[in-house]
Amino acid sequence: MEVTIRKQQSTEVVPLSLLLLADPNEQLINSYLTRGTCIVAEYKEELVGVMVLLETRPATLEIVNIAVVERWQSNGIGSQLIRYAIQQAKLQHLNTVEIGTGNSSIQQLALYQKLGFRMTSIDHNFFVRNYNEAIFENGIPCVDMIRLSITL
């Protein structure tokens, strides 16, 4: 399923409810939205996915949030968004694309590795430090941030 991927226009409403699927901390979302670029994926003019890209260090682009509307998941939209991020990093002559996810995000970890990302580090207790309520995925407590990157 091919989607249209584009930068969100400044006149458009940020799809906060969709971003909250990937990150339940609205304060953190607002923080990186002000510094990053919001990218939307559409299928026949319907919003089906979103991601936020942020240059975090010299020559490095980080995908700080990526989410696909639940009923559209498992249709390759997440892969297309990530490939778009990699393409944008190459166009900007950046060397690395990074992404982080919870230790309990089994499907996401598999997807990122299938797309060529390698695990680089673990931010122990990230979700304990930054979120007021416990997060569970796949019956597993989400405690640590697994950091992955791909070198371009």
Protein backbone atom coordinates (compact mmCIF):
# COMPACT_ATOMS: atom_id res chain seq x y z
CA MET A 1 0.00 0.00 0.00
CA GLU A 2 1.63 3.21 -1.17
CA VAL A 3 1.03 6.35 0.88
CA THR A 4 1.86 10.00 0.33
CA ILE A 5 4.43 11.25 2.81
CA ARG A 6 5.01 14.96 3.31
CA LYS A 7 5.98 17.62 5.82
CA GLN A 8 3.03 18.87 7.79
CA GLN A 9 2.08 22.44 6.91
CA SER A 10 2.27 25.06 9.66
CA THR A 11 -1.44 25.81 9.11
CA GLU A 12 -2.45 22.18 9.83
CA VAL A 13 -3.44 20.89 13.25
CA VAL A 14 -0.81 18.60 14.77
CA PRO A 15 -2.21 15.05 15.02
CA LEU A 16 -1.61 14.88 18.78
CA SER A 17 -3.92 11.90 19.38
CA LEU A 18 -1.86 9.86 16.91
CA LEU A 19 1.46 10.99 18.37
CA LEU A 20 0.15 9.95 21.80
CA LEU A 21 -0.12 6.35 20.53
CA ALA A 22 3.67 6.21 20.41
CA ASP A 23 4.43 8.50 23.34
CA PRO A 24 1.88 8.96 26.14
CA ASN A 25 3.72 12.00 27.54
CA GLU A 26 2.08 15.07 25.97
CA GLN A 27 4.62 17.40 27.57
CA LEU A 28 7.52 15.54 25.90
CA ILE A 29 5.67 15.54 22.56
CA ASN A 30 5.15 19.29 22.71
CA SER A 31 8.81 19.74 23.61
CA TYR A 32 10.18 17.91 20.58
CA LEU A 33 7.47 19.21 18.24
CA THR A 34 8.76 22.75 18.74
CA ARG A 35 12.27 21.67 17.71
CA GLY A 36 11.50 19.02 15.11
CA THR A 37 9.71 18.48 11.83
CA CYS A 38 6.34 16.75 11.77
CA ILE A 39 5.85 14.38 8.83
CA VAL A 40 2.47 12.93 7.88
CA ALA A 41 1.49 9.89 5.83
CA GLU A 42 -1.79 9.97 3.95
CA TYR A 43 -3.75 7.41 1.99
CA LYS A 44 -6.42 8.90 -0.26
CA GLU A 45 -6.29 12.13 1.80
CA GLU A 46 -6.80 10.24 5.09
CA LEU A 47 -4.13 10.65 7.76
CA VAL A 48 -2.71 7.16 8.39
CA GLY A 49 0.65 7.87 10.03
CA VAL A 50 2.91 10.49 11.53
CA MET A 51 6.50 10.92 12.69
CA VAL A 52 8.62 13.67 14.14
CA LEU A 53 12.20 14.12 12.96
CA LEU A 54 14.80 16.02 14.94
CA GLU A 55 18.47 16.74 14.34
CA THR A 56 19.85 15.77 17.72
CA ARG A 57 23.61 15.97 17.17
CA PRO A 58 25.84 17.00 14.28
CA ALA A 59 25.12 14.81 11.23
CA THR A 60 22.43 12.85 13.09
CA LEU A 61 18.68 12.71 12.51
CA GLU A 62 16.50 11.09 15.13
CA ILE A 63 13.01 9.73 14.66
CA VAL A 64 11.63 10.87 18.02
CA ASN A 65 8.06 9.73 17.42
CA ILE A 66 6.44 7.46 14.85
CA ALA A 67 2.89 6.18 14.89
CA VAL A 68 0.42 4.57 12.51
CA VAL A 69 -3.36 4.67 12.95
CA GLU A 70 -4.25 1.35 14.57
CA ARG A 71 -6.54 0.10 11.81
CA TRP A 72 -3.79 0.82 9.24
CA GLN A 73 -0.99 -0.96 11.11
CA SER A 74 0.72 -3.95 9.45
CA ASN A 75 0.32 -2.39 5.98
CA GLY A 76 3.91 -1.19 5.57
CA ILE A 77 3.20 2.44 6.48
CA GLY A 78 5.74 2.48 9.32
CA SER A 79 8.39 1.10 6.96
CA GLN A 80 7.60 3.78 4.38
CA LEU A 81 7.87 6.51 7.02
CA ILE A 82 11.25 5.21 8.19
CA ARG A 83 12.54 4.94 4.62
CA TYR A 84 11.42 8.54 4.09
CA ALA A 85 13.41 9.62 7.17
CA ILE A 86 16.50 7.82 5.86
CA GLN A 87 16.06 9.46 2.45
CA GLN A 88 15.72 12.91 4.06
CA ALA A 89 18.87 12.34 6.12
CA LYS A 90 20.79 11.41 2.98
CA LEU A 91 19.50 14.52 1.16
CA GLN A 92 20.74 16.63 4.09
CA HIS A 93 24.14 14.85 3.98
CA LEU A 94 23.70 13.44 7.48
CA ASN A 95 25.57 10.30 8.54
CA THR A 96 23.23 8.61 11.00
CA VAL A 97 19.54 8.03 11.68
CA GLU A 98 18.61 7.07 15.22
CA ILE A 99 15.45 5.77 16.81
CA GLY A 100 14.52 4.63 20.30
CA THR A 101 11.79 2.36 21.57
CA GLY A 102 10.75 0.58 24.71
CA ASN A 103 12.22 -2.75 25.74
CA SER A 104 8.67 -4.14 25.52
CA SER A 105 8.03 -2.90 21.96
CA ILE A 106 8.68 -6.26 20.30
CA GLN A 107 7.14 -5.48 16.88
CA GLN A 108 8.91 -2.14 16.63
CA LEU A 109 12.28 -3.66 17.55
CA ALA A 110 11.81 -6.29 14.84
CA LEU A 111 10.79 -3.69 12.23
CA TYR A 112 13.72 -1.38 12.92
CA GLN A 113 16.21 -4.23 12.67
CA LYS A 114 14.63 -5.49 9.43
CA LEU A 115 15.19 -2.01 8.01
CA GLY A 116 18.90 -2.12 8.91
CA PHE A 117 19.01 -0.45 12.31
CA ARG A 118 21.38 -1.89 14.91
CA MET A 119 21.03 -1.68 18.67
CA THR A 120 23.53 0.81 20.05
CA SER A 121 22.65 1.38 23.70
CA ILE A 122 20.13 1.05 26.49
CA ASP A 123 18.89 4.04 28.48
CA HIS A 124 18.10 2.18 31.70
CA ASN A 125 14.90 3.25 33.51
CA PHE A 126 14.08 5.88 30.84
CA PHE A 127 10.34 5.22 31.06
CA VAL A 128 10.40 5.09 34.86
CA ARG A 129 12.13 8.51 34.99
CA ASN A 130 10.01 10.23 32.34
CA TYR A 131 6.50 8.84 32.73
CA ASN A 132 4.20 9.08 35.75
CA GLU A 133 2.25 5.90 35.00
CA ALA A 134 3.60 2.44 34.28
CA ILE A 135 3.51 1.35 30.64
CA PHE A 136 2.92 -2.26 29.63
CA GLU A 137 3.21 -3.72 26.14
CA ASN A 138 2.85 -7.37 25.24
CA GLY A 139 2.48 -8.11 28.95
CA ILE A 140 5.96 -6.69 29.59
CA PRO A 141 6.68 -3.59 31.70
CA CYS A 142 8.21 -0.86 29.53
CA VAL A 143 11.17 0.31 31.60
CA ASP A 144 14.22 0.83 29.39
CA MET A 145 14.72 2.74 26.12
CA ILE A 146 16.47 0.65 23.49
CA ARG A 147 18.44 2.95 21.18
CA LEU A 148 19.09 1.89 17.57
CA SER A 149 20.84 3.56 14.66
CA ILE A 150 21.69 3.10 11.02
CA THR A 151 24.81 4.54 9.42
CA LEU A 152 24.23 6.02 5.98
